[in-house]
């Protein structure tokens, strides 16, 4: 059937978009294990799609639309990852300051007046 490759490409493009949305949801939920699982599945799907290029124009257009949406969602994911990195950096600074304060307290406590 002539339309099968087009439908197959549409399905794959939709699956890519679903996986990307799942990645965003996992990142928003701070579930980085699930994020990585979804990202691995998306990478495998991308390899499968671009390993077998399809010359049908309709399929290419649908895939291009899905990729545009994926790129927009990836921007949100990147922002969430940056936000998480910044929070981790802040927490590390806080822990260092707390450790310094604790060390100063111990020195003062050990110092006989």
C-alpha atoms as a PDB file:
ATOM      1  CA  UNK A   1       0.000   0.000   0.000  1.00  0.00           C
ATOM      2  CA  UNK A   2       1.370   3.428  -1.005  1.00  0.00           C
ATOM      3  CA  UNK A   3       0.369   5.347   2.126  1.00  0.00           C
ATOM      4  CA  UNK A   4       1.913   2.896   4.612  1.00  0.00           C
ATOM      5  CA  UNK A   5       5.357   4.582   4.648  1.00  0.00           C
ATOM      6  CA  UNK A   6       3.681   7.951   5.176  1.00  0.00           C
ATOM      7  CA  UNK A   7       1.555   6.625   8.052  1.00  0.00           C
ATOM      8  CA  UNK A   8       4.577   4.879   9.521  1.00  0.00           C
ATOM      9  CA  UNK A   9       6.580   8.118   9.400  1.00  0.00           C
ATOM     10  CA  UNK A  10       3.659  10.029  10.944  1.00  0.00           C
ATOM     11  CA  UNK A  11       3.485   7.481  13.734  1.00  0.00           C
ATOM     12  CA  UNK A  12       7.226   7.695  14.353  1.00  0.00           C
ATOM     13  CA  UNK A  13       7.126  11.502  14.367  1.00  0.00           C
ATOM     14  CA  UNK A  14       4.257  11.410  16.858  1.00  0.00           C
ATOM     15  CA  UNK A  15       6.174   8.917  19.016  1.00  0.00           C
ATOM     16  CA  UNK A  16       9.213  11.226  18.974  1.00  0.00           C
ATOM     17  CA  UNK A  17       7.036  14.080  20.111  1.00  0.00           C
ATOM     18  CA  UNK A  18       5.448  11.940  22.848  1.00  0.00           C
ATOM     19  CA  UNK A  19       8.882  10.865  24.101  1.00  0.00           C
ATOM     20  CA  UNK A  20      10.046  14.482  24.162  1.00  0.00           C
ATOM     21  CA  UNK A  21       6.959  15.525  26.113  1.00  0.00           C
ATOM     22  CA  UNK A  22       7.612  12.674  28.555  1.00  0.00           C
ATOM     23  CA  UNK A  23      11.181  13.955  28.942  1.00  0.00           C
ATOM     24  CA  UNK A  24       9.831  17.415  29.770  1.00  0.00           C
ATOM     25  CA  UNK A  25       7.350  15.996  32.293  1.00  0.00           C
ATOM     26  CA  UNK A  26      10.119  13.971  33.947  1.00  0.00           C
ATOM     27  CA  UNK A  27      12.386  17.022  34.125  1.00  0.00           C
ATOM     28  CA  UNK A  28       9.571  19.134  35.543  1.00  0.00           C
ATOM     29  CA  UNK A  29       8.950  16.416  38.159  1.00  0.00           C
ATOM     30  CA  UNK A  30      12.660  16.297  38.988  1.00  0.00           C
ATOM     31  CA  UNK A  31      12.659  12.598  37.964  1.00  0.00           C
ATOM     32  CA  UNK A  32      16.024  12.444  36.212  1.00  0.00           C
ATOM     33  CA  UNK A  33      16.084   8.638  36.017  1.00  0.00           C
ATOM     34  CA  UNK A  34      12.846   8.673  34.017  1.00  0.00           C
ATOM     35  CA  UNK A  35      14.197  11.586  31.958  1.00  0.00           C
ATOM     36  CA  UNK A  36      17.246   9.549  30.976  1.00  0.00           C
ATOM     37  CA  UNK A  37      15.123   6.510  30.088  1.00  0.00           C
ATOM     38  CA  UNK A  38      12.890   8.622  27.829  1.00  0.00           C
ATOM     39  CA  UNK A  39      15.934  10.305  26.266  1.00  0.00           C
ATOM     40  CA  UNK A  40      17.488   6.930  25.440  1.00  0.00           C
ATOM     41  CA  UNK A  41      14.252   5.785  23.799  1.00  0.00           C
ATOM     42  CA  UNK A  42      14.064   9.034  21.823  1.00  0.00           C
ATOM     43  CA  UNK A  43      17.675   8.676  20.652  1.00  0.00           C
ATOM     44  CA  UNK A  44      16.987   5.130  19.475  1.00  0.00           C
ATOM     45  CA  UNK A  45      13.891   6.333  17.620  1.00  0.00           C
ATOM     46  CA  UNK A  46      15.867   9.142  15.942  1.00  0.00           C
ATOM     47  CA  UNK A  47      18.505   6.639  14.831  1.00  0.00           C
ATOM     48  CA  UNK A  48      15.790   4.393  13.429  1.00  0.00           C
ATOM     49  CA  UNK A  49      14.088   7.225  11.530  1.00  0.00           C
ATOM     50  CA  UNK A  50      17.165   8.838  10.062  1.00  0.00           C
ATOM     51  CA  UNK A  51      18.838   5.505   9.383  1.00  0.00           C
ATOM     52  CA  UNK A  52      16.042   4.797   6.853  1.00  0.00           C
ATOM     53  CA  UNK A  53      15.227   8.107   5.141  1.00  0.00           C
ATOM     54  CA  UNK A  54      11.849   8.277   3.468  1.00  0.00           C
ATOM     55  CA  UNK A  55      11.508  10.385   0.326  1.00  0.00           C
ATOM     56  CA  UNK A  56       7.771  10.983   0.640  1.00  0.00           C
ATOM     57  CA  UNK A  57       7.027  14.697   0.951  1.00  0.00           C
ATOM     58  CA  UNK A  58       4.061  14.365   3.307  1.00  0.00           C
ATOM     59  CA  UNK A  59       6.070  12.254   5.730  1.00  0.00           C
ATOM     60  CA  UNK A  60       8.933  14.751   5.623  1.00  0.00           C
ATOM     61  CA  UNK A  61       6.580  17.641   6.394  1.00  0.00           C
ATOM     62  CA  UNK A  62       4.978  15.840   9.320  1.00  0.00           C
ATOM     63  CA  UNK A  63       8.377  14.876  10.682  1.00  0.00           C
ATOM     64  CA  UNK A  64       9.633  18.460  10.257  1.00  0.00           C
ATOM     65  CA  UNK A  65       6.648  19.745  12.240  1.00  0.00           C
ATOM     66  CA  UNK A  66       7.312  17.235  15.009  1.00  0.00           C
ATOM     67  CA  UNK A  67      10.997  18.209  15.074  1.00  0.00           C
ATOM     68  CA  UNK A  68      10.093  21.900  15.398  1.00  0.00           C
ATOM     69  CA  UNK A  69       7.932  21.077  18.407  1.00  0.00           C
ATOM     70  CA  UNK A  70      10.688  18.858  19.830  1.00  0.00           C
ATOM     71  CA  UNK A  71      13.186  21.718  19.558  1.00  0.00           C
ATOM     72  CA  UNK A  72      10.846  24.040  21.451  1.00  0.00           C
ATOM     73  CA  UNK A  73      10.304  21.470  24.176  1.00  0.00           C
ATOM     74  CA  UNK A  74      14.055  20.814  24.311  1.00  0.00           C
ATOM     75  CA  UNK A  75      14.540  24.509  25.090  1.00  0.00           C
ATOM     76  CA  UNK A  76      12.251  24.116  28.112  1.00  0.00           C
ATOM     77  CA  UNK A  77      14.124  20.979  29.165  1.00  0.00           C
ATOM     78  CA  UNK A  78      17.452  22.799  28.855  1.00  0.00           C
ATOM     79  CA  UNK A  79      16.128  25.605  31.048  1.00  0.00           C
ATOM     80  CA  UNK A  80      14.994  23.087  33.687  1.00  0.00           C
ATOM     81  CA  UNK A  81      18.377  21.345  33.607  1.00  0.00           C
ATOM     82  CA  UNK A  82      20.143  24.693  34.015  1.00  0.00           C
ATOM     83  CA  UNK A  83      17.822  25.547  36.881  1.00  0.00           C
ATOM     84  CA  UNK A  84      18.585  22.209  38.552  1.00  0.00           C
ATOM     85  CA  UNK A  85      22.315  22.747  38.052  1.00  0.00           C
ATOM     86  CA  UNK A  86      22.059  26.212  39.622  1.00  0.00           C
ATOM     87  CA  UNK A  87      20.133  24.817  42.599  1.00  0.00           C
ATOM     88  CA  UNK A  88      22.736  22.105  43.099  1.00  0.00           C
ATOM     89  CA  UNK A  89      25.479  24.729  42.918  1.00  0.00           C
ATOM     90  CA  UNK A  90      23.699  26.889  45.496  1.00  0.00           C
ATOM     91  CA  UNK A  91      23.262  23.903  47.792  1.00  0.00           C
ATOM     92  CA  UNK A  92      26.946  23.057  47.462  1.00  0.00           C
ATOM     93  CA  UNK A  93      27.892  26.644  48.379  1.00  0.00           C
ATOM     94  CA  UNK A  94      25.524  26.488  51.366  1.00  0.00           C
ATOM     95  CA  UNK A  95      27.100  23.232  52.534  1.00  0.00           C
ATOM     96  CA  UNK A  96      30.594  24.704  52.210  1.00  0.00           C
ATOM     97  CA  UNK A  97      29.583  27.768  54.245  1.00  0.00           C
ATOM     98  CA  UNK A  98      27.953  25.559  56.871  1.00  0.00           C
ATOM     99  CA  UNK A  99      31.075  23.437  57.065  1.00  0.00           C
ATOM    100  CA  UNK A 100      33.222  26.573  57.448  1.00  0.00           C
ATOM    101  CA  UNK A 101      30.920  27.866  60.182  1.00  0.00           C
ATOM    102  CA  UNK A 102      31.021  24.527  61.962  1.00  0.00           C
ATOM    103  CA  UNK A 103      34.819  24.453  61.714  1.00  0.00           C
ATOM    104  CA  UNK A 104      35.051  28.011  63.102  1.00  0.00           C
ATOM    105  CA  UNK A 105      32.722  27.046  65.950  1.00  0.00           C
ATOM    106  CA  UNK A 106      34.825  23.987  66.764  1.00  0.00           C
ATOM    107  CA  UNK A 107      38.014  26.061  66.777  1.00  0.00           C
ATOM    108  CA  UNK A 108      36.364  28.588  69.106  1.00  0.00           C
ATOM    109  CA  UNK A 109      35.038  25.810  71.352  1.00  0.00           C
ATOM    110  CA  UNK A 110      38.446  24.147  71.543  1.00  0.00           C
ATOM    111  CA  UNK A 111      40.204  27.444  72.310  1.00  0.00           C
ATOM    112  CA  UNK A 112      40.460  27.887  76.092  1.00  0.00           C
ATOM    113  CA  UNK A 113      39.889  31.461  77.157  1.00  0.00           C
END
